[in-house]
Amino acid sequence: MARRQPRVRDTKDRILSAAQQVFAERGFFASSVDEIAVRANVTKGAVYYYFTDKADLARDLQRKLWDHLAAAGMEAFDADLSVTENLKRCFGAYLDALLKLSDAQAFLLEGWRVAPLDLSGQSVQDGAAKPVRKLIEQGIASGELAAMDGEAAAQVIVGVFEEATRHILTTGDPGPTLEVVHRLVDGLAVRPIR
Protein backbone atom coordinates (compact mmCIF):
# COMPACT_ATOMS: atom_id res chain seq x y z
CA MET A 1 0.00 0.00 0.00
CA ALA A 2 2.85 2.44 0.69
CA ARG A 3 3.93 2.19 -2.94
CA ARG A 4 0.61 3.65 -4.12
CA GLN A 5 0.68 6.73 -1.90
CA PRO A 6 2.80 8.99 -4.17
CA ARG A 7 0.51 8.30 -7.14
CA VAL A 8 -2.56 8.92 -5.00
CA ARG A 9 -1.14 12.23 -3.75
CA ASP A 10 -0.21 13.18 -7.31
CA THR A 11 -3.75 12.55 -8.54
CA LYS A 12 -5.32 14.60 -5.76
CA ASP A 13 -2.82 17.42 -6.32
CA ARG A 14 -3.54 17.40 -10.07
CA ILE A 15 -7.25 17.69 -9.33
CA LEU A 16 -6.66 20.59 -6.93
CA SER A 17 -4.38 22.32 -9.43
CA ALA A 18 -6.92 21.88 -12.21
CA ALA A 19 -9.69 23.19 -9.94
CA GLN A 20 -7.62 26.27 -9.13
CA GLN A 21 -7.20 26.98 -12.86
CA VAL A 22 -10.86 26.35 -13.71
CA PHE A 23 -12.16 28.39 -10.76
CA ALA A 24 -9.80 31.24 -11.75
CA GLU A 25 -11.07 31.21 -15.32
CA ARG A 26 -14.78 30.65 -14.78
CA GLY A 27 -15.54 31.25 -11.10
CA PHE A 28 -16.90 28.75 -8.62
CA PHE A 29 -20.54 28.75 -9.74
CA ALA A 30 -19.84 28.56 -13.49
CA SER A 31 -17.31 25.73 -13.11
CA SER A 32 -18.19 22.06 -13.23
CA VAL A 33 -16.65 18.87 -11.91
CA ASP A 34 -16.56 17.66 -15.53
CA GLU A 35 -14.34 20.60 -16.55
CA ILE A 36 -12.04 20.03 -13.59
CA ALA A 37 -11.72 16.31 -14.37
CA VAL A 38 -10.86 17.04 -18.01
CA ARG A 39 -8.29 19.66 -17.00
CA ALA A 40 -6.72 17.27 -14.48
CA ASN A 41 -6.75 14.46 -17.05
CA VAL A 42 -8.65 12.17 -14.67
CA THR A 43 -12.07 10.60 -14.72
CA LYS A 44 -15.01 12.27 -13.03
CA GLY A 45 -15.07 9.24 -10.72
CA ALA A 46 -11.52 10.04 -9.61
CA VAL A 47 -12.66 13.51 -8.57
CA TYR A 48 -15.52 12.00 -6.57
CA TYR A 49 -13.14 9.50 -5.00
CA TYR A 50 -11.39 12.38 -3.24
CA PHE A 51 -14.21 14.92 -2.93
CA THR A 52 -17.93 14.54 -2.26
CA ASP A 53 -18.88 17.42 -4.56
CA LYS A 54 -17.59 20.65 -6.11
CA ALA A 55 -17.99 22.57 -2.84
CA ASP A 56 -15.93 19.95 -0.97
CA LEU A 57 -13.22 20.25 -3.63
CA ALA A 58 -13.32 24.05 -3.40
CA ARG A 59 -13.09 23.97 0.42
CA ASP A 60 -10.06 21.67 0.23
CA LEU A 61 -8.41 23.96 -2.31
CA GLN A 62 -9.23 26.99 -0.21
CA ARG A 63 -7.71 25.38 2.91
CA LYS A 64 -4.60 24.44 0.93
CA LEU A 65 -4.19 28.02 -0.34
CA TRP A 66 -4.83 29.64 3.07
CA ASP A 67 -2.42 27.16 4.71
CA HIS A 68 0.23 28.09 2.13
CA LEU A 69 -0.28 31.78 2.87
CA ALA A 70 -0.21 31.25 6.64
CA ALA A 71 3.03 29.27 6.33
CA ALA A 72 4.57 32.09 4.28
CA GLY A 73 3.59 34.54 7.00
CA MET A 74 4.97 32.37 9.80
CA GLU A 75 8.28 31.91 7.98
CA ALA A 76 8.85 35.65 8.32
CA PHE A 77 8.70 35.49 12.13
CA ASP A 78 11.92 36.68 13.77
CA ALA A 79 12.26 36.11 17.52
CA ASP A 80 14.65 39.06 17.75
CA LEU A 81 12.00 41.54 16.61
CA SER A 82 9.25 43.19 18.62
CA VAL A 83 5.70 41.85 18.62
CA THR A 84 4.43 44.73 16.50
CA GLU A 85 7.29 44.38 14.01
CA ASN A 86 6.62 40.64 13.77
CA LEU A 87 2.89 41.15 13.21
CA LYS A 88 3.63 43.62 10.42
CA ARG A 89 6.44 41.50 8.96
CA CYS A 90 4.38 38.29 9.00
CA PHE A 91 1.36 40.00 7.42
CA GLY A 92 3.66 41.50 4.78
CA ALA A 93 5.10 38.07 3.93
CA TYR A 94 1.59 36.61 3.82
CA LEU A 95 0.56 39.42 1.51
CA ASP A 96 3.59 38.93 -0.76
CA ALA A 97 2.70 35.25 -1.09
CA LEU A 98 -0.92 36.16 -1.83
CA LEU A 99 0.07 38.58 -4.58
CA LYS A 100 2.16 35.82 -6.21
CA LEU A 101 -0.94 33.59 -6.41
CA SER A 102 -2.47 35.62 -9.20
CA ASP A 103 -4.54 32.69 -10.51
CA ALA A 104 -6.02 32.05 -7.07
CA GLN A 105 -6.90 35.59 -6.00
CA ALA A 106 -10.35 35.73 -7.59
CA PHE A 107 -11.20 32.32 -6.16
CA LEU A 108 -10.11 33.34 -2.66
CA LEU A 109 -12.13 36.53 -2.90
CA GLU A 110 -15.13 34.57 -4.17
CA GLY A 111 -14.82 32.36 -1.10
CA TRP A 112 -16.22 35.15 1.05
CA ARG A 113 -19.34 35.22 -1.13
CA VAL A 114 -20.03 31.47 -1.28
CA ALA A 115 -21.59 30.26 1.97
CA PRO A 116 -19.90 26.81 2.19
CA LEU A 117 -16.51 28.35 1.44
CA ASP A 118 -17.00 31.22 3.85
CA LEU A 119 -17.54 28.71 6.67
CA SER A 120 -14.30 27.00 5.69
CA GLY A 121 -12.54 30.34 5.71
CA GLN A 122 -13.88 31.02 9.20
CA SER A 123 -12.20 27.86 10.51
CA VAL A 124 -8.94 29.00 8.92
CA GLN A 125 -9.31 32.41 10.60
CA ASP A 126 -9.96 30.74 13.96
CA GLY A 127 -6.77 28.70 13.51
CA ALA A 128 -4.79 31.83 12.65
CA ALA A 129 -5.89 33.53 15.86
CA LYS A 130 -4.04 31.01 18.06
CA PRO A 131 -0.44 32.00 17.16
CA VAL A 132 -1.43 35.67 17.06
CA ARG A 133 -2.92 35.35 20.55
CA LYS A 134 0.26 33.71 21.84
CA LEU A 135 2.39 36.50 20.36
CA ILE A 136 0.12 39.22 21.76
CA GLU A 137 0.08 37.63 25.21
CA GLN A 138 3.89 37.48 25.18
CA GLY A 139 3.96 41.17 24.27
CA ILE A 140 1.56 42.02 27.10
CA ALA A 141 3.56 39.95 29.60
CA SER A 142 6.82 41.63 28.56
CA GLY A 143 5.28 45.11 28.79
CA GLU A 144 5.76 45.81 25.09
CA LEU A 145 2.02 45.88 24.46
CA ALA A 146 -0.65 47.64 26.45
CA ALA A 147 -2.66 45.50 28.87
CA MET A 148 -5.68 44.02 27.11
CA ASP A 149 -7.54 40.76 26.66
CA GLY A 150 -5.24 38.61 24.52
CA GLU A 151 -8.05 36.53 22.99
CA ALA A 152 -10.06 39.61 22.01
CA ALA A 153 -6.97 41.35 20.63
CA ALA A 154 -6.03 38.29 18.55
CA GLN A 155 -9.53 37.96 17.09
CA VAL A 156 -9.62 41.66 16.22
CA ILE A 157 -6.14 41.64 14.64
CA VAL A 158 -6.92 38.52 12.60
CA GLY A 159 -10.19 40.15 11.56
CA VAL A 160 -8.27 43.25 10.48
CA PHE A 161 -5.89 41.05 8.46
CA GLU A 162 -8.87 39.28 6.87
CA GLU A 163 -10.62 42.52 5.92
CA ALA A 164 -7.34 43.96 4.67
CA THR A 165 -6.88 40.87 2.51
CA ARG A 166 -10.38 41.20 1.11
CA HIS A 167 -9.85 44.90 0.38
CA ILE A 168 -6.51 44.26 -1.34
CA LEU A 169 -8.02 41.47 -3.44
CA THR A 170 -10.87 43.80 -4.40
CA THR A 171 -8.78 46.89 -5.20
CA GLY A 172 -5.55 45.26 -6.36
CA ASP A 173 -3.60 47.98 -4.53
CA PRO A 174 -1.94 46.81 -1.30
CA GLY A 175 -0.16 50.08 -0.43
CA PRO A 176 -2.87 52.10 1.32
CA THR A 177 -4.32 49.06 3.10
CA LEU A 178 -0.92 47.94 4.33
CA GLU A 179 -0.28 51.43 5.71
CA VAL A 180 -3.55 51.28 7.69
CA VAL A 181 -2.74 47.78 9.01
CA HIS A 182 0.70 48.98 10.17
CA ARG A 183 -0.82 51.96 11.98
CA LEU A 184 -3.38 49.76 13.73
CA VAL A 185 -0.73 47.23 14.80
CA ASP A 186 1.54 50.04 16.03
CA GLY A 187 -1.38 51.22 18.17
CA LEU A 188 -1.08 48.06 20.29
CA ALA A 189 2.31 49.12 21.65
CA VAL A 190 2.73 50.78 25.01
CA ARG A 191 3.50 54.47 24.62
CA PRO A 192 5.11 56.60 27.29
CA ILE A 193 2.68 59.11 28.81
CA ARG A 194 3.79 62.66 28.09
C-alpha atoms as a PDB file:
ATOM      1  CA  MET A   1       0.000   0.000   0.000  1.00  0.00           C
ATOM      2  CA  ALA A   2       2.846   2.437   0.694  1.00  0.00           C
ATOM      3  CA  ARG A   3       3.926   2.193  -2.945  1.00  0.00           C
ATOM      4  CA  ARG A   4       0.607   3.652  -4.117  1.00  0.00           C
ATOM      5  CA  GLN A   5       0.682   6.735  -1.903  1.00  0.00           C
ATOM      6  CA  PRO A   6       2.796   8.991  -4.172  1.00  0.00           C
ATOM      7  CA  ARG A   7       0.509   8.305  -7.135  1.00  0.00           C
ATOM      8  CA  VAL A   8      -2.560   8.915  -4.997  1.00  0.00           C
ATOM      9  CA  ARG A   9      -1.144  12.226  -3.748  1.00  0.00           C
ATOM     10  CA  ASP A  10      -0.206  13.181  -7.314  1.00  0.00           C
ATOM     11  CA  THR A  11      -3.754  12.547  -8.540  1.00  0.00           C
ATOM     12  CA  LYS A  12      -5.322  14.604  -5.761  1.00  0.00           C
ATOM     13  CA  ASP A  13      -2.816  17.416  -6.319  1.00  0.00           C
ATOM     14  CA  ARG A  14      -3.541  17.398 -10.070  1.00  0.00           C
ATOM     15  CA  ILE A  15      -7.251  17.690  -9.329  1.00  0.00           C
ATOM     16  CA  LEU A  16      -6.661  20.589  -6.931  1.00  0.00           C
ATOM     17  CA  SER A  17      -4.376  22.324  -9.426  1.00  0.00           C
ATOM     18  CA  ALA A  18      -6.921  21.884 -12.212  1.00  0.00           C
ATOM     19  CA  ALA A  19      -9.692  23.188  -9.944  1.00  0.00           C
ATOM     20  CA  GLN A  20      -7.618  26.266  -9.134  1.00  0.00           C
ATOM     21  CA  GLN A  21      -7.202  26.977 -12.856  1.00  0.00           C
ATOM     22  CA  VAL A  22     -10.859  26.352 -13.715  1.00  0.00           C
ATOM     23  CA  PHE A  23     -12.160  28.387 -10.755  1.00  0.00           C
ATOM     24  CA  ALA A  24      -9.804  31.236 -11.751  1.00  0.00           C
ATOM     25  CA  GLU A  25     -11.069  31.208 -15.321  1.00  0.00           C
ATOM     26  CA  ARG A  26     -14.783  30.647 -14.777  1.00  0.00           C
ATOM     27  CA  GLY A  27     -15.535  31.254 -11.097  1.00  0.00           C
ATOM     28  CA  PHE A  28     -16.903  28.746  -8.615  1.00  0.00           C
ATOM     29  CA  PHE A  29     -20.537  28.749  -9.740  1.00  0.00           C
ATOM     30  CA  ALA A  30     -19.843  28.558 -13.489  1.00  0.00           C
ATOM     31  CA  SER A  31     -17.310  25.731 -13.107  1.00  0.00           C
ATOM     32  CA  SER A  32     -18.194  22.058 -13.230  1.00  0.00           C
ATOM     33  CA  VAL A  33     -16.654  18.875 -11.912  1.00  0.00           C
ATOM     34  CA  ASP A  34     -16.557  17.660 -15.533  1.00  0.00           C
ATOM     35  CA  GLU A  35     -14.336  20.595 -16.546  1.00  0.00           C
ATOM     36  CA  ILE A  36     -12.044  20.031 -13.588  1.00  0.00           C
ATOM     37  CA  ALA A  37     -11.717  16.312 -14.373  1.00  0.00           C
ATOM     38  CA  VAL A  38     -10.864  17.037 -18.011  1.00  0.00           C
ATOM     39  CA  ARG A  39      -8.294  19.662 -17.004  1.00  0.00           C
ATOM     40  CA  ALA A  40      -6.723  17.268 -14.483  1.00  0.00           C
ATOM     41  CA  ASN A  41      -6.751  14.459 -17.050  1.00  0.00           C
ATOM     42  CA  VAL A  42      -8.654  12.173 -14.670  1.00  0.00           C
ATOM     43  CA  THR A  43     -12.072  10.596 -14.719  1.00  0.00           C
ATOM     44  CA  LYS A  44     -15.007  12.272 -13.030  1.00  0.00           C
ATOM     45  CA  GLY A  45     -15.069   9.238 -10.722  1.00  0.00           C
ATOM     46  CA  ALA A  46     -11.520  10.042  -9.608  1.00  0.00           C
ATOM     47  CA  VAL A  47     -12.661  13.513  -8.568  1.00  0.00           C
ATOM     48  CA  TYR A  48     -15.517  11.998  -6.569  1.00  0.00           C
ATOM     49  CA  TYR A  49     -13.140   9.496  -4.995  1.00  0.00           C
ATOM     50  CA  TYR A  50     -11.389  12.380  -3.239  1.00  0.00           C
ATOM     51  CA  PHE A  51     -14.211  14.924  -2.929  1.00  0.00           C
ATOM     52  CA  THR A  52     -17.934  14.543  -2.261  1.00  0.00           C
ATOM     53  CA  ASP A  53     -18.878  17.424  -4.565  1.00  0.00           C
ATOM     54  CA  LYS A  54     -17.592  20.650  -6.106  1.00  0.00           C
ATOM     55  CA  ALA A  55     -17.991  22.567  -2.839  1.00  0.00           C
ATOM     56  CA  ASP A  56     -15.930  19.951  -0.975  1.00  0.00           C
ATOM     57  CA  LEU A  57     -13.219  20.251  -3.627  1.00  0.00           C
ATOM     58  CA  ALA A  58     -13.323  24.051  -3.398  1.00  0.00           C
ATOM     59  CA  ARG A  59     -13.090  23.975   0.418  1.00  0.00           C
ATOM     60  CA  ASP A  60     -10.057  21.673   0.231  1.00  0.00           C
ATOM     61  CA  LEU A  61      -8.414  23.963  -2.313  1.00  0.00           C
ATOM     62  CA  GLN A  62      -9.233  26.994  -0.208  1.00  0.00           C
ATOM     63  CA  ARG A  63      -7.710  25.376   2.906  1.00  0.00           C
ATOM     64  CA  LYS A  64      -4.601  24.443   0.927  1.00  0.00           C
ATOM     65  CA  LEU A  65      -4.190  28.018  -0.337  1.00  0.00           C
ATOM     66  CA  TRP A  66      -4.828  29.641   3.065  1.00  0.00           C
ATOM     67  CA  ASP A  67      -2.418  27.164   4.712  1.00  0.00           C
ATOM     68  CA  HIS A  68       0.226  28.087   2.132  1.00  0.00           C
ATOM     69  CA  LEU A  69      -0.279  31.782   2.870  1.00  0.00           C
ATOM     70  CA  ALA A  70      -0.211  31.247   6.636  1.00  0.00           C
ATOM     71  CA  ALA A  71       3.031  29.267   6.332  1.00  0.00           C
ATOM     72  CA  ALA A  72       4.566  32.088   4.280  1.00  0.00           C
ATOM     73  CA  GLY A  73       3.595  34.541   7.000  1.00  0.00           C
ATOM     74  CA  MET A  74       4.967  32.371   9.796  1.00  0.00           C
ATOM     75  CA  GLU A  75       8.281  31.905   7.979  1.00  0.00           C
ATOM     76  CA  ALA A  76       8.851  35.645   8.318  1.00  0.00           C
ATOM     77  CA  PHE A  77       8.703  35.491  12.126  1.00  0.00           C
ATOM     78  CA  ASP A  78      11.923  36.682  13.770  1.00  0.00           C
ATOM     79  CA  ALA A  79      12.256  36.112  17.518  1.00  0.00           C
ATOM     80  CA  ASP A  80      14.652  39.064  17.747  1.00  0.00           C
ATOM     81  CA  LEU A  81      12.002  41.545  16.613  1.00  0.00           C
ATOM     82  CA  SER A  82       9.250  43.193  18.618  1.00  0.00           C
ATOM     83  CA  VAL A  83       5.704  41.845  18.618  1.00  0.00           C
ATOM     84  CA  THR A  84       4.432  44.734  16.502  1.00  0.00           C
ATOM     85  CA  GLU A  85       7.287  44.376  14.015  1.00  0.00           C
ATOM     86  CA  ASN A  86       6.620  40.641  13.774  1.00  0.00           C
ATOM     87  CA  LEU A  87       2.895  41.146  13.210  1.00  0.00           C
ATOM     88  CA  LYS A  88       3.634  43.621  10.418  1.00  0.00           C
ATOM     89  CA  ARG A  89       6.438  41.495   8.964  1.00  0.00           C
ATOM     90  CA  CYS A  90       4.380  38.285   9.002  1.00  0.00           C
ATOM     91  CA  PHE A  91       1.365  40.001   7.422  1.00  0.00           C
ATOM     92  CA  GLY A  92       3.661  41.496   4.779  1.00  0.00           C
ATOM     93  CA  ALA A  93       5.103  38.066   3.927  1.00  0.00           C
ATOM     94  CA  TYR A  94       1.594  36.607   3.816  1.00  0.00           C
ATOM     95  CA  LEU A  95       0.556  39.425   1.508  1.00  0.00           C
ATOM     96  CA  ASP A  96       3.595  38.928  -0.764  1.00  0.00           C
ATOM     97  CA  ALA A  97       2.702  35.251  -1.093  1.00  0.00           C
ATOM     98  CA  LEU A  98      -0.923  36.157  -1.833  1.00  0.00           C
ATOM     99  CA  LEU A  99       0.066  38.577  -4.580  1.00  0.00           C
ATOM    100  CA  LYS A 100       2.157  35.825  -6.211  1.00  0.00           C
ATOM    101  CA  LEU A 101      -0.942  33.586  -6.411  1.00  0.00           C
ATOM    102  CA  SER A 102      -2.472  35.620  -9.202  1.00  0.00           C
ATOM    103  CA  ASP A 103      -4.538  32.693 -10.514  1.00  0.00           C
ATOM    104  CA  ALA A 104      -6.020  32.050  -7.069  1.00  0.00           C
ATOM    105  CA  GLN A 105      -6.895  35.587  -6.000  1.00  0.00           C
ATOM    106  CA  ALA A 106     -10.348  35.733  -7.592  1.00  0.00           C
ATOM    107  CA  PHE A 107     -11.205  32.316  -6.164  1.00  0.00           C
ATOM    108  CA  LEU A 108     -10.109  33.338  -2.664  1.00  0.00           C
ATOM    109  CA  LEU A 109     -12.130  36.531  -2.897  1.00  0.00           C
ATOM    110  CA  GLU A 110     -15.126  34.572  -4.174  1.00  0.00           C
ATOM    111  CA  GLY A 111     -14.820  32.358  -1.097  1.00  0.00           C
ATOM    112  CA  TRP A 112     -16.219  35.151   1.054  1.00  0.00           C
ATOM    113  CA  ARG A 113     -19.337  35.221  -1.132  1.00  0.00           C
ATOM    114  CA  VAL A 114     -20.027  31.472  -1.283  1.00  0.00           C
ATOM    115  CA  ALA A 115     -21.586  30.255   1.969  1.00  0.00           C
ATOM    116  CA  PRO A 116     -19.898  26.809   2.185  1.00  0.00           C
ATOM    117  CA  LEU A 117     -16.511  28.350   1.443  1.00  0.00           C
ATOM    118  CA  ASP A 118     -17.003  31.223   3.854  1.00  0.00           C
ATOM    119  CA  LEU A 119     -17.536  28.709   6.666  1.00  0.00           C
ATOM    120  CA  SER A 120     -14.296  26.997   5.687  1.00  0.00           C
ATOM    121  CA  GLY A 121     -12.539  30.344   5.710  1.00  0.00           C
ATOM    122  CA  GLN A 122     -13.884  31.024   9.196  1.00  0.00           C
ATOM    123  CA  SER A 123     -12.200  27.865  10.508  1.00  0.00           C
ATOM    124  CA  VAL A 124      -8.936  28.999   8.918  1.00  0.00           C
ATOM    125  CA  GLN A 125      -9.312  32.407  10.604  1.00  0.00           C
ATOM    126  CA  ASP A 126      -9.962  30.743  13.962  1.00  0.00           C
ATOM    127  CA  GLY A 127      -6.772  28.699  13.511  1.00  0.00           C
ATOM    128  CA  ALA A 128      -4.787  31.828  12.652  1.00  0.00           C
ATOM    129  CA  ALA A 129      -5.889  33.528  15.862  1.00  0.00           C
ATOM    130  CA  LYS A 130      -4.035  31.010  18.057  1.00  0.00           C
ATOM    131  CA  PRO A 131      -0.443  31.997  17.162  1.00  0.00           C
ATOM    132  CA  VAL A 132      -1.428  35.668  17.058  1.00  0.00           C
ATOM    133  CA  ARG A 133      -2.916  35.352  20.546  1.00  0.00           C
ATOM    134  CA  LYS A 134       0.262  33.711  21.836  1.00  0.00           C
ATOM    135  CA  LEU A 135       2.386  36.496  20.361  1.00  0.00           C
ATOM    136  CA  ILE A 136       0.124  39.224  21.762  1.00  0.00           C
ATOM    137  CA  GLU A 137       0.082  37.633  25.214  1.00  0.00           C
ATOM    138  CA  GLN A 138       3.886  37.476  25.179  1.00  0.00           C
ATOM    139  CA  GLY A 139       3.957  41.170  24.273  1.00  0.00           C
ATOM    140  CA  ILE A 140       1.562  42.018  27.096  1.00  0.00           C
ATOM    141  CA  ALA A 141       3.561  39.954  29.598  1.00  0.00           C
ATOM    142  CA  SER A 142       6.819  41.627  28.556  1.00  0.00           C
ATOM    143  CA  GLY A 143       5.276  45.108  28.793  1.00  0.00           C
ATOM    144  CA  GLU A 144       5.764  45.814  25.092  1.00  0.00           C
ATOM    145  CA  LEU A 145       2.016  45.878  24.463  1.00  0.00           C
ATOM    146  CA  ALA A 146      -0.654  47.643  26.451  1.00  0.00           C
ATOM    147  CA  ALA A 147      -2.657  45.499  28.869  1.00  0.00           C
ATOM    148  CA  MET A 148      -5.682  44.022  27.113  1.00  0.00           C
ATOM    149  CA  ASP A 149      -7.544  40.760  26.657  1.00  0.00           C
ATOM    150  CA  GLY A 150      -5.245  38.607  24.518  1.00  0.00           C
ATOM    151  CA  GLU A 151      -8.049  36.534  22.988  1.00  0.00           C
ATOM    152  CA  ALA A 152     -10.062  39.606  22.012  1.00  0.00           C
ATOM    153  CA  ALA A 153      -6.970  41.347  20.626  1.00  0.00           C
ATOM    154  CA  ALA A 154      -6.035  38.286  18.548  1.00  0.00           C
ATOM    155  CA  GLN A 155      -9.531  37.959  17.094  1.00  0.00           C
ATOM    156  CA  VAL A 156      -9.621  41.662  16.219  1.00  0.00           C
ATOM    157  CA  ILE A 157      -6.144  41.635  14.641  1.00  0.00           C
ATOM    158  CA  VAL A 158      -6.916  38.522  12.595  1.00  0.00           C
ATOM    159  CA  GLY A 159     -10.192  40.152  11.563  1.00  0.00           C
ATOM    160  CA  VAL A 160      -8.265  43.248  10.475  1.00  0.00           C
ATOM    161  CA  PHE A 161      -5.888  41.053   8.462  1.00  0.00           C
ATOM    162  CA  GLU A 162      -8.870  39.282   6.874  1.00  0.00           C
ATOM    163  CA  GLU A 163     -10.621  42.516   5.921  1.00  0.00           C
ATOM    164  CA  ALA A 164      -7.342  43.963   4.666  1.00  0.00           C
ATOM    165  CA  THR A 165      -6.877  40.868   2.514  1.00  0.00           C
ATOM    166  CA  ARG A 166     -10.375  41.199   1.113  1.00  0.00           C
ATOM    167  CA  HIS A 167      -9.849  44.901   0.382  1.00  0.00           C
ATOM    168  CA  ILE A 168      -6.512  44.264  -1.338  1.00  0.00           C
ATOM    169  CA  LEU A 169      -8.018  41.472  -3.440  1.00  0.00           C
ATOM    170  CA  THR A 170     -10.868  43.803  -4.405  1.00  0.00           C
ATOM    171  CA  THR A 171      -8.780  46.888  -5.203  1.00  0.00           C
ATOM    172  CA  GLY A 172      -5.552  45.263  -6.358  1.00  0.00           C
ATOM    173  CA  ASP A 173      -3.598  47.979  -4.527  1.00  0.00           C
ATOM    174  CA  PRO A 174      -1.940  46.807  -1.302  1.00  0.00           C
ATOM    175  CA  GLY A 175      -0.159  50.082  -0.428  1.00  0.00           C
ATOM    176  CA  PRO A 176      -2.871  52.102   1.323  1.00  0.00           C
ATOM    177  CA  THR A 177      -4.323  49.062   3.099  1.00  0.00           C
ATOM    178  CA  LEU A 178      -0.925  47.940   4.329  1.00  0.00           C
ATOM    179  CA  GLU A 179      -0.285  51.434   5.715  1.00  0.00           C
ATOM    180  CA  VAL A 180      -3.553  51.276   7.692  1.00  0.00           C
ATOM    181  CA  VAL A 181      -2.738  47.781   9.007  1.00  0.00           C
ATOM    182  CA  HIS A 182       0.696  48.984  10.170  1.00  0.00           C
ATOM    183  CA  ARG A 183      -0.816  51.962  11.983  1.00  0.00           C
ATOM    184  CA  LEU A 184      -3.378  49.756  13.729  1.00  0.00           C
ATOM    185  CA  VAL A 185      -0.727  47.231  14.797  1.00  0.00           C
ATOM    186  CA  ASP A 186       1.541  50.037  16.031  1.00  0.00           C
ATOM    187  CA  GLY A 187      -1.384  51.216  18.171  1.00  0.00           C
ATOM    188  CA  LEU A 188      -1.077  48.058  20.294  1.00  0.00           C
ATOM    189  CA  ALA A 189       2.309  49.124  21.650  1.00  0.00           C
ATOM    190  CA  VAL A 190       2.728  50.778  25.013  1.00  0.00           C
ATOM    191  CA  ARG A 191       3.500  54.468  24.620  1.00  0.00           C
ATOM    192  CA  PRO A 192       5.107  56.600  27.291  1.00  0.00           C
ATOM    193  CA  ILE A 193       2.675  59.107  28.810  1.00  0.00           C
ATOM    194  CA  ARG A 194       3.786  62.663  28.093  1.00  0.00           C
END
